[in-house]
Amino acid sequence: MESKHPIKLNLQDVNGLQILHLVVILDLKKAFQCLMLNRQYLVIDSQDDNGWSPLHYAVFYGRKEMVYLLLQNGASKNKLNKNNKVPKDLSQDNQITKILDQ
């Protein structure tokens, strides 16, 4: 449900993590769907202090469905973190690697 008075969805904690990063890390699919209803207030490729986007975290933690959902909602496969790694470089799962290769 879209809010008439949206909260600031891009607020960061001391490590630069935003709510979308946390939703992905914790694998909260329902919360992800709610955030996507208000996606105009989000930056899908927002980066934390280490340059990790939500897609970097989804790949690193092996969250296949989150990887798919992020890509479906416009996340970039080519975003570099501060170590010059794209999300695919963090993959240890063949299925996730295949998703990223599409």
PDB file of N, CA and C in Angstrom:
ATOM      1  N   MET A   1       0.845  -1.174   0.000  1.00  0.00           N
ATOM      2  CA  MET A   1       0.000   0.000   0.000  1.00  0.00           C
ATOM      3  C   MET A   1       0.889   1.236   0.000  1.00  0.00           C
ATOM      4  N   GLU A   2       0.618   2.134  -0.906  1.00  0.00           N
ATOM      5  CA  GLU A   2       1.398   3.362  -1.008  1.00  0.00           C
ATOM      6  C   GLU A   2       0.924   4.352   0.050  1.00  0.00           C
ATOM      7  N   SER A   3       1.861   4.971   0.713  1.00  0.00           N
ATOM      8  CA  SER A   3       1.566   5.900   1.791  1.00  0.00           C
ATOM      9  C   SER A   3       1.440   7.324   1.261  1.00  0.00           C
ATOM     10  N   LYS A   4       0.512   8.096   1.847  1.00  0.00           N
ATOM     11  CA  LYS A   4       0.401   9.519   1.508  1.00  0.00           C
ATOM     12  C   LYS A   4       1.550  10.301   2.129  1.00  0.00           C
ATOM     13  N   HIS A   5       2.075   9.777   3.221  1.00  0.00           N
ATOM     14  CA  HIS A   5       3.176  10.409   3.936  1.00  0.00           C
ATOM     15  C   HIS A   5       4.279   9.369   4.107  1.00  0.00           C
ATOM     16  N   PRO A   6       5.048   9.143   3.033  1.00  0.00           N
ATOM     17  CA  PRO A   6       6.026   8.052   3.079  1.00  0.00           C
ATOM     18  C   PRO A   6       7.139   8.290   4.089  1.00  0.00           C
ATOM     19  N   ILE A   7       7.580   7.196   4.679  1.00  0.00           N
ATOM     20  CA  ILE A   7       8.742   7.289   5.551  1.00  0.00           C
ATOM     21  C   ILE A   7       9.979   7.396   4.668  1.00  0.00           C
ATOM     22  N   LYS A   8      11.063   7.791   5.254  1.00  0.00           N
ATOM     23  CA  LYS A   8      12.308   7.915   4.499  1.00  0.00           C
ATOM     24  C   LYS A   8      12.957   6.538   4.414  1.00  0.00           C
ATOM     25  N   LEU A   9      12.776   5.901   3.288  1.00  0.00           N
ATOM     26  CA  LEU A   9      13.249   4.535   3.113  1.00  0.00           C
ATOM     27  C   LEU A   9      14.738   4.457   2.805  1.00  0.00           C
ATOM     28  N   ASN A  10      15.379   5.593   2.597  1.00  0.00           N
ATOM     29  CA  ASN A  10      16.806   5.585   2.279  1.00  0.00           C
ATOM     30  C   ASN A  10      17.683   6.009   3.453  1.00  0.00           C
ATOM     31  N   LEU A  11      17.118   6.040   4.662  1.00  0.00           N
ATOM     32  CA  LEU A  11      17.929   6.351   5.833  1.00  0.00           C
ATOM     33  C   LEU A  11      18.972   5.263   6.017  1.00  0.00           C
ATOM     34  N   GLN A  12      20.147   5.638   6.508  1.00  0.00           N
ATOM     35  CA  GLN A  12      21.237   4.683   6.684  1.00  0.00           C
ATOM     36  C   GLN A  12      21.622   4.548   8.147  1.00  0.00           C
ATOM     37  N   ASP A  13      22.099   3.335   8.505  1.00  0.00           N
ATOM     38  CA  ASP A  13      22.657   3.151   9.841  1.00  0.00           C
ATOM     39  C   ASP A  13      24.132   3.575   9.806  1.00  0.00           C
ATOM     40  N   VAL A  14      24.863   3.334  10.878  1.00  0.00           N
ATOM     41  CA  VAL A  14      26.256   3.787  10.964  1.00  0.00           C
ATOM     42  C   VAL A  14      27.168   3.097   9.947  1.00  0.00           C
ATOM     43  N   ASN A  15      26.727   1.976   9.382  1.00  0.00           N
ATOM     44  CA  ASN A  15      27.511   1.255   8.371  1.00  0.00           C
ATOM     45  C   ASN A  15      27.026   1.522   6.954  1.00  0.00           C
ATOM     46  N   GLY A  16      26.066   2.430   6.830  1.00  0.00           N
ATOM     47  CA  GLY A  16      25.533   2.758   5.517  1.00  0.00           C
ATOM     48  C   GLY A  16      24.447   1.820   5.030  1.00  0.00           C
ATOM     49  N   LEU A  17      24.023   0.890   5.884  1.00  0.00           N
ATOM     50  CA  LEU A  17      22.956  -0.034   5.494  1.00  0.00           C
ATOM     51  C   LEU A  17      21.610   0.677   5.505  1.00  0.00           C
ATOM     52  N   GLN A  18      20.829   0.412   4.481  1.00  0.00           N
ATOM     53  CA  GLN A  18      19.474   0.942   4.398  1.00  0.00           C
ATOM     54  C   GLN A  18      18.488  -0.202   4.605  1.00  0.00           C
ATOM     55  N   ILE A  19      17.224   0.136   4.717  1.00  0.00           N
ATOM     56  CA  ILE A  19      16.214  -0.879   4.988  1.00  0.00           C
ATOM     57  C   ILE A  19      16.211  -1.972   3.919  1.00  0.00           C
ATOM     58  N   LEU A  20      16.437  -1.620   2.672  1.00  0.00           N
ATOM     59  CA  LEU A  20      16.446  -2.632   1.617  1.00  0.00           C
ATOM     60  C   LEU A  20      17.591  -3.625   1.814  1.00  0.00           C
ATOM     61  N   HIS A  21      18.763  -3.140   2.227  1.00  0.00           N
ATOM     62  CA  HIS A  21      19.875  -4.049   2.534  1.00  0.00           C
ATOM     63  C   HIS A  21      19.445  -5.053   3.611  1.00  0.00           C
ATOM     64  N   LEU A  22      18.842  -4.552   4.674  1.00  0.00           N
ATOM     65  CA  LEU A  22      18.459  -5.414   5.797  1.00  0.00           C
ATOM     66  C   LEU A  22      17.383  -6.416   5.416  1.00  0.00           C
ATOM     67  N   VAL A  23      16.422  -5.986   4.632  1.00  0.00           N
ATOM     68  CA  VAL A  23      15.357  -6.887   4.167  1.00  0.00           C
ATOM     69  C   VAL A  23      15.961  -8.027   3.352  1.00  0.00           C
ATOM     70  N   VAL A  24      16.944  -7.711   2.524  1.00  0.00           N
ATOM     71  CA  VAL A  24      17.606  -8.738   1.707  1.00  0.00           C
ATOM     72  C   VAL A  24      18.445  -9.665   2.587  1.00  0.00           C
ATOM     73  N   ILE A  25      19.242  -9.101   3.478  1.00  0.00           N
ATOM     74  CA  ILE A  25      20.094  -9.903   4.360  1.00  0.00           C
ATOM     75  C   ILE A  25      19.256 -10.879   5.180  1.00  0.00           C
ATOM     76  N   LEU A  26      18.120 -10.401   5.699  1.00  0.00           N
ATOM     77  CA  LEU A  26      17.256 -11.231   6.543  1.00  0.00           C
ATOM     78  C   LEU A  26      16.278 -12.082   5.742  1.00  0.00           C
ATOM     79  N   ASP A  27      16.289 -11.938   4.410  1.00  0.00           N
ATOM     80  CA  ASP A  27      15.449 -12.731   3.505  1.00  0.00           C
ATOM     81  C   ASP A  27      13.957 -12.550   3.806  1.00  0.00           C
ATOM     82  N   LEU A  28      13.550 -11.298   3.966  1.00  0.00           N
ATOM     83  CA  LEU A  28      12.163 -10.957   4.296  1.00  0.00           C
ATOM     84  C   LEU A  28      11.400 -10.628   3.014  1.00  0.00           C
ATOM     85  N   LYS A  29      10.891 -11.659   2.368  1.00  0.00           N
ATOM     86  CA  LYS A  29      10.264 -11.491   1.051  1.00  0.00           C
ATOM     87  C   LYS A  29       9.003 -10.629   1.096  1.00  0.00           C
ATOM     88  N   LYS A  30       8.184 -10.799   2.117  1.00  0.00           N
ATOM     89  CA  LYS A  30       6.958  -9.979   2.229  1.00  0.00           C
ATOM     90  C   LYS A  30       7.325  -8.508   2.415  1.00  0.00           C
ATOM     91  N   ALA A  31       8.320  -8.250   3.237  1.00  0.00           N
ATOM     92  CA  ALA A  31       8.768  -6.870   3.439  1.00  0.00           C
ATOM     93  C   ALA A  31       9.330  -6.302   2.138  1.00  0.00           C
ATOM     94  N   PHE A  32      10.043  -7.129   1.374  1.00  0.00           N
ATOM     95  CA  PHE A  32      10.563  -6.698   0.077  1.00  0.00           C
ATOM     96  C   PHE A  32       9.413  -6.279  -0.829  1.00  0.00           C
ATOM     97  N   GLN A  33       8.363  -7.089  -0.874  1.00  0.00           N
ATOM     98  CA  GLN A  33       7.204  -6.767  -1.712  1.00  0.00           C
ATOM     99  C   GLN A  33       6.580  -5.445  -1.284  1.00  0.00           C
ATOM    100  N   CYS A  34       6.484  -5.209   0.019  1.00  0.00           N
ATOM    101  CA  CYS A  34       5.941  -3.935   0.518  1.00  0.00           C
ATOM    102  C   CYS A  34       6.827  -2.760   0.103  1.00  0.00           C
ATOM    103  N   LEU A  35       8.132  -2.944   0.203  1.00  0.00           N
ATOM    104  CA  LEU A  35       9.043  -1.879  -0.212  1.00  0.00           C
ATOM    105  C   LEU A  35       8.896  -1.572  -1.697  1.00  0.00           C
ATOM    106  N   MET A  36       8.695  -2.594  -2.497  1.00  0.00           N
ATOM    107  CA  MET A  36       8.568  -2.378  -3.941  1.00  0.00           C
ATOM    108  C   MET A  36       7.294  -1.612  -4.290  1.00  0.00           C
ATOM    109  N   LEU A  37       6.301  -1.658  -3.422  1.00  0.00           N
ATOM    110  CA  LEU A  37       5.097  -0.849  -3.641  1.00  0.00           C
ATOM    111  C   LEU A  37       5.407   0.640  -3.502  1.00  0.00           C
ATOM    112  N   ASN A  38       6.482   0.944  -2.797  1.00  0.00           N
ATOM    113  CA  ASN A  38       6.914   2.333  -2.594  1.00  0.00           C
ATOM    114  C   ASN A  38       8.304   2.555  -3.189  1.00  0.00           C
ATOM    115  N   ARG A  39       8.596   1.860  -4.276  1.00  0.00           N
ATOM    116  CA  ARG A  39       9.948   1.872  -4.833  1.00  0.00           C
ATOM    117  C   ARG A  39      10.406   3.242  -5.319  1.00  0.00           C
ATOM    118  N   GLN A  40       9.470   4.149  -5.574  1.00  0.00           N
ATOM    119  CA  GLN A  40       9.890   5.487  -6.003  1.00  0.00           C
ATOM    120  C   GLN A  40      10.661   6.208  -4.898  1.00  0.00           C
ATOM    121  N   TYR A  41      10.582   5.699  -3.666  1.00  0.00           N
ATOM    122  CA  TYR A  41      11.300   6.290  -2.537  1.00  0.00           C
ATOM    123  C   TYR A  41      12.579   5.517  -2.215  1.00  0.00           C
ATOM    124  N   LEU A  42      12.910   4.523  -3.031  1.00  0.00           N
ATOM    125  CA  LEU A  42      14.083   3.676  -2.807  1.00  0.00           C
ATOM    126  C   LEU A  42      15.109   3.865  -3.918  1.00  0.00           C
ATOM    127  N   VAL A  43      16.331   3.573  -3.596  1.00  0.00           N
ATOM    128  CA  VAL A  43      17.382   3.450  -4.602  1.00  0.00           C
ATOM    129  C   VAL A  43      17.764   1.973  -4.593  1.00  0.00           C
ATOM    130  N   ILE A  44      17.345   1.241  -5.617  1.00  0.00           N
ATOM    131  CA  ILE A  44      17.507  -0.217  -5.645  1.00  0.00           C
ATOM    132  C   ILE A  44      18.978  -0.627  -5.587  1.00  0.00           C
ATOM    133  N   ASP A  45      19.873   0.223  -6.082  1.00  0.00           N
ATOM    134  CA  ASP A  45      21.307  -0.076  -6.084  1.00  0.00           C
ATOM    135  C   ASP A  45      22.070   0.717  -5.026  1.00  0.00           C
ATOM    136  N   SER A  46      21.388   1.140  -3.969  1.00  0.00           N
ATOM    137  CA  SER A  46      22.063   1.902  -2.923  1.00  0.00           C
ATOM    138  C   SER A  46      23.230   1.089  -2.373  1.00  0.00           C
ATOM    139  N   GLN A  47      24.306   1.774  -2.035  1.00  0.00           N
ATOM    140  CA  GLN A  47      25.502   1.096  -1.551  1.00  0.00           C
ATOM    141  C   GLN A  47      25.804   1.493  -0.117  1.00  0.00           C
ATOM    142  N   ASP A  48      26.265   0.507   0.664  1.00  0.00           N
ATOM    143  CA  ASP A  48      26.654   0.786   2.039  1.00  0.00           C
ATOM    144  C   ASP A  48      28.081   1.340   2.058  1.00  0.00           C
ATOM    145  N   ASP A  49      28.658   1.461   3.233  1.00  0.00           N
ATOM    146  CA  ASP A  49      29.995   2.050   3.350  1.00  0.00           C
ATOM    147  C   ASP A  49      31.084   1.230   2.654  1.00  0.00           C
ATOM    148  N   ASN A  50      30.819  -0.050   2.412  1.00  0.00           N
ATOM    149  CA  ASN A  50      31.771  -0.910   1.700  1.00  0.00           C
ATOM    150  C   ASN A  50      31.447  -1.030   0.216  1.00  0.00           C
ATOM    151  N   GLY A  51      30.433  -0.282  -0.207  1.00  0.00           N
ATOM    152  CA  GLY A  51      30.043  -0.302  -1.608  1.00  0.00           C
ATOM    153  C   GLY A  51      29.147  -1.465  -1.984  1.00  0.00           C
ATOM    154  N   TRP A  52      28.655  -2.192  -0.983  1.00  0.00           N
ATOM    155  CA  TRP A  52      27.784  -3.337  -1.261  1.00  0.00           C
ATOM    156  C   TRP A  52      26.356  -2.866  -1.495  1.00  0.00           C
ATOM    157  N   SER A  53      25.803  -3.299  -2.605  1.00  0.00           N
ATOM    158  CA  SER A  53      24.390  -3.039  -2.911  1.00  0.00           C
ATOM    159  C   SER A  53      23.557  -4.179  -2.325  1.00  0.00           C
ATOM    160  N   PRO A  54      22.234  -4.028  -2.290  1.00  0.00           N
ATOM    161  CA  PRO A  54      21.400  -5.153  -1.857  1.00  0.00           C
ATOM    162  C   PRO A  54      21.669  -6.425  -2.671  1.00  0.00           C
ATOM    163  N   LEU A  55      21.975  -6.273  -3.963  1.00  0.00           N
ATOM    164  CA  LEU A  55      22.265  -7.455  -4.784  1.00  0.00           C
ATOM    165  C   LEU A  55      23.563  -8.133  -4.345  1.00  0.00           C
ATOM    166  N   HIS A  56      24.576  -7.368  -3.963  1.00  0.00           N
ATOM    167  CA  HIS A  56      25.799  -7.977  -3.428  1.00  0.00           C
ATOM    168  C   HIS A  56      25.449  -8.868  -2.232  1.00  0.00           C
ATOM    169  N   TYR A  57      24.629  -8.346  -1.317  1.00  0.00           N
ATOM    170  CA  TYR A  57      24.252  -9.128  -0.128  1.00  0.00           C
ATOM    171  C   TYR A  57      23.428 -10.354  -0.489  1.00  0.00           C
ATOM    172  N   ALA A  58      22.484 -10.201  -1.405  1.00  0.00           N
ATOM    173  CA  ALA A  58      21.647 -11.340  -1.803  1.00  0.00           C
ATOM    174  C   ALA A  58      22.510 -12.458  -2.377  1.00  0.00           C
ATOM    175  N   VAL A  59      23.465 -12.096  -3.213  1.00  0.00           N
ATOM    176  CA  VAL A  59      24.362 -13.094  -3.810  1.00  0.00           C
ATOM    177  C   VAL A  59      25.250 -13.718  -2.735  1.00  0.00           C
ATOM    178  N   PHE A  60      25.854 -12.892  -1.903  1.00  0.00           N
ATOM    179  CA  PHE A  60      26.767 -13.372  -0.864  1.00  0.00           C
ATOM    180  C   PHE A  60      26.084 -14.357   0.079  1.00  0.00           C
ATOM    181  N   TYR A  61      24.852 -14.056   0.478  1.00  0.00           N
ATOM    182  CA  TYR A  61      24.119 -14.916   1.416  1.00  0.00           C
ATOM    183  C   TYR A  61      23.334 -16.030   0.724  1.00  0.00           C
ATOM    184  N   GLY A  62      23.443 -16.131  -0.584  1.00  0.00           N
ATOM    185  CA  GLY A  62      22.777 -17.219  -1.303  1.00  0.00           C
ATOM    186  C   GLY A  62      21.267 -17.105  -1.348  1.00  0.00           C
ATOM    187  N   ARG A  63      20.760 -15.889  -1.372  1.00  0.00           N
ATOM    188  CA  ARG A  63      19.313 -15.642  -1.395  1.00  0.00           C
ATOM    189  C   ARG A  63      18.825 -15.639  -2.845  1.00  0.00           C
ATOM    190  N   LYS A  64      18.614 -16.821  -3.403  1.00  0.00           N
ATOM    191  CA  LYS A  64      18.260 -16.948  -4.829  1.00  0.00           C
ATOM    192  C   LYS A  64      17.034 -16.135  -5.203  1.00  0.00           C
ATOM    193  N   GLU A  65      15.974 -16.265  -4.412  1.00  0.00           N
ATOM    194  CA  GLU A  65      14.744 -15.548  -4.754  1.00  0.00           C
ATOM    195  C   GLU A  65      14.953 -14.040  -4.673  1.00  0.00           C
ATOM    196  N   MET A  66      15.716 -13.588  -3.687  1.00  0.00           N
ATOM    197  CA  MET A  66      15.998 -12.156  -3.571  1.00  0.00           C
ATOM    198  C   MET A  66      16.824 -11.666  -4.761  1.00  0.00           C
ATOM    199  N   VAL A  67      17.778 -12.482  -5.205  1.00  0.00           N
ATOM    200  CA  VAL A  67      18.563 -12.119  -6.391  1.00  0.00           C
ATOM    201  C   VAL A  67      17.618 -11.904  -7.565  1.00  0.00           C
ATOM    202  N   TYR A  68      16.734 -12.857  -7.766  1.00  0.00           N
ATOM    203  CA  TYR A  68      15.771 -12.770  -8.867  1.00  0.00           C
ATOM    204  C   TYR A  68      14.886 -11.531  -8.721  1.00  0.00           C
ATOM    205  N   LEU A  69      14.348 -11.307  -7.520  1.00  0.00           N
ATOM    206  CA  LEU A  69      13.450 -10.169  -7.294  1.00  0.00           C
ATOM    207  C   LEU A  69      14.172  -8.836  -7.500  1.00  0.00           C
ATOM    208  N   LEU A  70      15.390  -8.739  -7.016  1.00  0.00           N
ATOM    209  CA  LEU A  70      16.153  -7.500  -7.198  1.00  0.00           C
ATOM    210  C   LEU A  70      16.403  -7.222  -8.675  1.00  0.00           C
ATOM    211  N   LEU A  71      16.810  -8.252  -9.408  1.00  0.00           N
ATOM    212  CA  LEU A  71      17.052  -8.070 -10.843  1.00  0.00           C
ATOM    213  C   LEU A  71      15.771  -7.708 -11.573  1.00  0.00           C
ATOM    214  N   GLN A  72      14.678  -8.351 -11.192  1.00  0.00           N
ATOM    215  CA  GLN A  72      13.376  -8.077 -11.799  1.00  0.00           C
ATOM    216  C   GLN A  72      12.955  -6.627 -11.554  1.00  0.00           C
ATOM    217  N   ASN A  73      13.428  -6.052 -10.451  1.00  0.00           N
ATOM    218  CA  ASN A  73      13.070  -4.678 -10.098  1.00  0.00           C
ATOM    219  C   ASN A  73      14.158  -3.666 -10.456  1.00  0.00           C
ATOM    220  N   GLY A  74      15.079  -4.067 -11.329  1.00  0.00           N
ATOM    221  CA  GLY A  74      16.024  -3.106 -11.887  1.00  0.00           C
ATOM    222  C   GLY A  74      17.400  -3.026 -11.263  1.00  0.00           C
ATOM    223  N   ALA A  75      17.748  -3.939 -10.360  1.00  0.00           N
ATOM    224  CA  ALA A  75      19.084  -3.901  -9.761  1.00  0.00           C
ATOM    225  C   ALA A  75      20.149  -4.155 -10.826  1.00  0.00           C
ATOM    226  N   SER A  76      21.272  -3.486 -10.683  1.00  0.00           N
ATOM    227  CA  SER A  76      22.378  -3.628 -11.631  1.00  0.00           C
ATOM    228  C   SER A  76      23.277  -4.799 -11.250  1.00  0.00           C
ATOM    229  N   LYS A  77      23.585  -5.636 -12.240  1.00  0.00           N
ATOM    230  CA  LYS A  77      24.520  -6.753 -12.046  1.00  0.00           C
ATOM    231  C   LYS A  77      25.963  -6.265 -12.056  1.00  0.00           C
ATOM    232  N   ASN A  78      26.181  -5.040 -12.495  1.00  0.00           N
ATOM    233  CA  ASN A  78      27.537  -4.544 -12.743  1.00  0.00           C
ATOM    234  C   ASN A  78      28.027  -3.520 -11.731  1.00  0.00           C
ATOM    235  N   LYS A  79      27.301  -3.335 -10.650  1.00  0.00           N
ATOM    236  CA  LYS A  79      27.694  -2.361  -9.628  1.00  0.00           C
ATOM    237  C   LYS A  79      28.933  -2.875  -8.893  1.00  0.00           C
ATOM    238  N   LEU A  80      29.987  -2.082  -8.867  1.00  0.00           N
ATOM    239  CA  LEU A  80      31.223  -2.461  -8.181  1.00  0.00           C
ATOM    240  C   LEU A  80      31.188  -2.039  -6.720  1.00  0.00           C
ATOM    241  N   ASN A  81      31.688  -2.915  -5.835  1.00  0.00           N
ATOM    242  CA  ASN A  81      31.859  -2.508  -4.445  1.00  0.00           C
ATOM    243  C   ASN A  81      33.252  -1.891  -4.294  1.00  0.00           C
ATOM    244  N   LYS A  82      33.645  -1.553  -3.081  1.00  0.00           N
ATOM    245  CA  LYS A  82      34.936  -0.877  -2.884  1.00  0.00           C
ATOM    246  C   LYS A  82      36.132  -1.782  -3.168  1.00  0.00           C
ATOM    247  N   ASN A  83      35.894  -3.085  -3.273  1.00  0.00           N
ATOM    248  CA  ASN A  83      36.960  -4.025  -3.640  1.00  0.00           C
ATOM    249  C   ASN A  83      36.906  -4.371  -5.127  1.00  0.00           C
ATOM    250  N   ASN A  84      36.170  -3.547  -5.876  1.00  0.00           N
ATOM    251  CA  ASN A  84      36.006  -3.747  -7.327  1.00  0.00           C
ATOM    252  C   ASN A  84      35.398  -5.098  -7.679  1.00  0.00           C
ATOM    253  N   LYS A  85      34.465  -5.551  -6.855  1.00  0.00           N
ATOM    254  CA  LYS A  85      33.754  -6.806  -7.097  1.00  0.00           C
ATOM    255  C   LYS A  85      32.313  -6.504  -7.488  1.00  0.00           C
ATOM    256  N   VAL A  86      31.869  -7.145  -8.565  1.00  0.00           N
ATOM    257  CA  VAL A  86      30.446  -7.107  -8.910  1.00  0.00           C
ATOM    258  C   VAL A  86      29.778  -8.232  -8.126  1.00  0.00           C
ATOM    259  N   PRO A  87      28.456  -8.198  -7.983  1.00  0.00           N
ATOM    260  CA  PRO A  87      27.785  -9.247  -7.207  1.00  0.00           C
ATOM    261  C   PRO A  87      28.173 -10.669  -7.622  1.00  0.00           C
ATOM    262  N   LYS A  88      28.286 -10.930  -8.905  1.00  0.00           N
ATOM    263  CA  LYS A  88      28.624 -12.285  -9.382  1.00  0.00           C
ATOM    264  C   LYS A  88      29.941 -12.783  -8.790  1.00  0.00           C
ATOM    265  N   ASP A  89      30.880 -11.874  -8.548  1.00  0.00           N
ATOM    266  CA  ASP A  89      32.169 -12.265  -7.975  1.00  0.00           C
ATOM    267  C   ASP A  89      32.029 -12.866  -6.580  1.00  0.00           C
ATOM    268  N   LEU A  90      30.906 -12.608  -5.919  1.00  0.00           N
ATOM    269  CA  LEU A  90      30.681 -13.096  -4.556  1.00  0.00           C
ATOM    270  C   LEU A  90      29.906 -14.404  -4.520  1.00  0.00           C
ATOM    271  N   SER A  91      29.475 -14.874  -5.679  1.00  0.00           N
ATOM    272  CA  SER A  91      28.605 -16.049  -5.745  1.00  0.00           C
ATOM    273  C   SER A  91      29.363 -17.339  -5.458  1.00  0.00           C
ATOM    274  N   GLN A  92      28.750 -18.172  -4.620  1.00  0.00           N
ATOM    275  CA  GLN A  92      29.245 -19.518  -4.357  1.00  0.00           C
ATOM    276  C   GLN A  92      28.171 -20.538  -4.716  1.00  0.00           C
ATOM    277  N   ASP A  93      27.173 -20.087  -5.458  1.00  0.00           N
ATOM    278  CA  ASP A  93      26.026 -20.921  -5.808  1.00  0.00           C
ATOM    279  C   ASP A  93      25.869 -20.910  -7.327  1.00  0.00           C
ATOM    280  N   ASN A  94      25.939 -22.081  -7.933  1.00  0.00           N
ATOM    281  CA  ASN A  94      25.857 -22.175  -9.396  1.00  0.00           C
ATOM    282  C   ASN A  94      24.548 -21.637  -9.947  1.00  0.00           C
ATOM    283  N   GLN A  95      23.445 -21.851  -9.234  1.00  0.00           N
ATOM    284  CA  GLN A  95      22.151 -21.351  -9.709  1.00  0.00           C
ATOM    285  C   GLN A  95      22.128 -19.828  -9.716  1.00  0.00           C
ATOM    286  N   ILE A  96      22.682 -19.223  -8.692  1.00  0.00           N
ATOM    287  CA  ILE A  96      22.737 -17.758  -8.639  1.00  0.00           C
ATOM    288  C   ILE A  96      23.643 -17.231  -9.752  1.00  0.00           C
ATOM    289  N   THR A  97      24.762 -17.891  -9.972  1.00  0.00           N
ATOM    290  CA  THR A  97      25.665 -17.484 -11.051  1.00  0.00           C
ATOM    291  C   THR A  97      24.943 -17.541 -12.391  1.00  0.00           C
ATOM    292  N   LYS A  98      24.154 -18.579 -12.616  1.00  0.00           N
ATOM    293  CA  LYS A  98      23.391 -18.697 -13.865  1.00  0.00           C
ATOM    294  C   LYS A  98      22.368 -17.576 -13.994  1.00  0.00           C
ATOM    295  N   ILE A  99      21.703 -17.239 -12.894  1.00  0.00           N
ATOM    296  CA  ILE A  99      20.734 -16.132 -12.912  1.00  0.00           C
ATOM    297  C   ILE A  99      21.445 -14.839 -13.315  1.00  0.00           C
ATOM    298  N   LEU A 100      22.616 -14.604 -12.753  1.00  0.00           N
ATOM    299  CA  LEU A 100      23.367 -13.378 -13.035  1.00  0.00           C
ATOM    300  C   LEU A 100      23.938 -13.361 -14.450  1.00  0.00           C
ATOM    301  N   ASP A 101      24.138 -14.529 -15.036  1.00  0.00           N
ATOM    302  CA  ASP A 101      24.661 -14.617 -16.402  1.00  0.00           C
ATOM    303  C   ASP A 101      23.596 -14.373 -17.465  1.00  0.00           C
ATOM    304  N   GLN A 102      22.344 -14.408 -17.096  1.00  0.00           N
ATOM    305  CA  GLN A 102      21.255 -14.233 -18.075  1.00  0.00           C
ATOM    306  C   GLN A 102      21.192 -12.811 -18.573  1.00  0.00           C
TER     307      GLN A 102
END
